[in-house]
């Protein structure tokens, strides 16, 4: 239950930050703002997913390690895509 409350609070704060930041957006900062916000959402989602994987009581040490490894590999792929996108937009 505590994880759900913390998740809801962080999502609310993320939307507040996005709405405030959206008002100050200029055309030349659109790519940077979009990239920053997508990374914030990605890292928050990753943290939430790892937390949810860890609290399942029927996991063994191997299944937890495999789940976290899969999330890490997906994160590495996403980070590579973001870096390539930023490099091409500059």
Protein backbone atom coordinates (compact mmCIF):
# COMPACT_ATOMS: atom_id res chain seq x y z
CA UNK A 1 0.00 0.00 0.00
CA UNK A 2 2.85 2.36 0.82
CA UNK A 3 4.34 1.80 -2.64
CA UNK A 4 1.05 2.80 -4.27
CA UNK A 5 0.82 6.00 -2.24
CA UNK A 6 4.41 6.92 -3.02
CA UNK A 7 3.85 6.20 -6.71
CA UNK A 8 0.77 8.39 -6.83
CA UNK A 9 2.59 11.24 -5.11
CA UNK A 10 5.55 11.05 -7.49
CA UNK A 11 3.30 10.91 -10.56
CA UNK A 12 1.43 13.97 -9.33
CA UNK A 13 4.69 15.85 -8.79
CA UNK A 14 5.87 14.82 -12.25
CA UNK A 15 2.74 16.24 -13.86
CA UNK A 16 3.08 19.47 -11.90
CA UNK A 17 6.68 19.83 -13.06
CA UNK A 18 5.71 19.07 -16.66
CA UNK A 19 2.88 21.59 -16.67
CA UNK A 20 5.04 24.35 -15.16
CA UNK A 21 7.93 23.55 -17.48
CA UNK A 22 5.62 23.51 -20.50
CA UNK A 23 4.73 27.15 -20.00
CA UNK A 24 8.37 28.23 -20.32
CA UNK A 25 9.10 26.12 -23.39
CA UNK A 26 10.49 27.83 -26.46
CA UNK A 27 10.84 26.36 -29.93
CA UNK A 28 14.60 25.91 -29.60
CA UNK A 29 14.25 24.10 -26.26
CA UNK A 30 11.47 21.73 -27.29
CA UNK A 31 13.76 18.76 -28.03
CA UNK A 32 15.68 19.22 -24.79
CA UNK A 33 12.52 19.56 -22.71
CA UNK A 34 10.93 16.51 -24.34
CA UNK A 35 14.11 14.49 -23.83
CA UNK A 36 14.42 15.53 -20.19
CA UNK A 37 10.80 14.72 -19.38
CA UNK A 38 10.91 11.38 -21.17
CA UNK A 39 13.99 10.41 -19.15
CA UNK A 40 12.28 11.42 -15.91
CA UNK A 41 9.25 9.31 -16.78
CA UNK A 42 11.48 6.42 -17.85
CA UNK A 43 13.55 6.45 -14.65
CA UNK A 44 10.46 6.72 -12.48
CA UNK A 45 8.82 3.83 -14.32
CA UNK A 46 11.99 1.76 -14.02
CA UNK A 47 12.17 2.36 -10.29
CA UNK A 48 8.52 1.45 -9.90
CA UNK A 49 8.92 -1.72 -11.99
CA UNK A 50 11.97 -2.90 -10.03
CA UNK A 51 10.15 -2.22 -6.76
CA UNK A 52 7.14 -4.20 -7.94
CA UNK A 53 9.37 -7.08 -9.03
CA UNK A 54 11.12 -7.11 -5.66
CA UNK A 55 7.96 -7.23 -3.53
CA UNK A 56 6.48 -10.34 -5.17
CA UNK A 57 6.83 -12.97 -2.44
CA UNK A 58 7.12 -16.02 -4.69
CA UNK A 59 10.37 -14.92 -6.37
CA UNK A 60 13.62 -16.77 -5.95
CA UNK A 61 16.97 -14.99 -5.97
CA UNK A 62 17.49 -16.09 -9.59
CA UNK A 63 14.12 -14.79 -10.81
CA UNK A 64 14.66 -11.41 -9.12
CA UNK A 65 18.12 -11.16 -10.66
CA UNK A 66 16.74 -12.09 -14.08
CA UNK A 67 13.92 -9.55 -13.82
CA UNK A 68 16.25 -6.73 -12.78
CA UNK A 69 18.71 -7.71 -15.53
CA UNK A 70 15.96 -7.52 -18.16
CA UNK A 71 14.92 -4.07 -16.91
CA UNK A 72 18.58 -2.96 -17.00
CA UNK A 73 19.06 -4.18 -20.57
CA UNK A 74 15.89 -2.36 -21.64
CA UNK A 75 17.20 0.78 -19.93
CA UNK A 76 20.51 0.50 -21.76
CA UNK A 77 18.68 0.22 -25.07
CA UNK A 78 16.50 3.22 -24.28
CA UNK A 79 19.51 5.28 -23.21
CA UNK A 80 21.25 4.45 -26.48
CA UNK A 81 18.21 5.57 -28.49
CA UNK A 82 18.01 8.85 -26.53
CA UNK A 83 21.71 9.58 -27.06
CA UNK A 84 21.46 8.92 -30.79
CA UNK A 85 18.36 11.11 -31.04
CA UNK A 86 20.09 13.97 -29.21
CA UNK A 87 23.22 13.62 -31.33
CA UNK A 88 21.19 13.81 -34.55
CA UNK A 89 19.17 16.81 -33.38
CA UNK A 90 22.21 18.98 -32.59
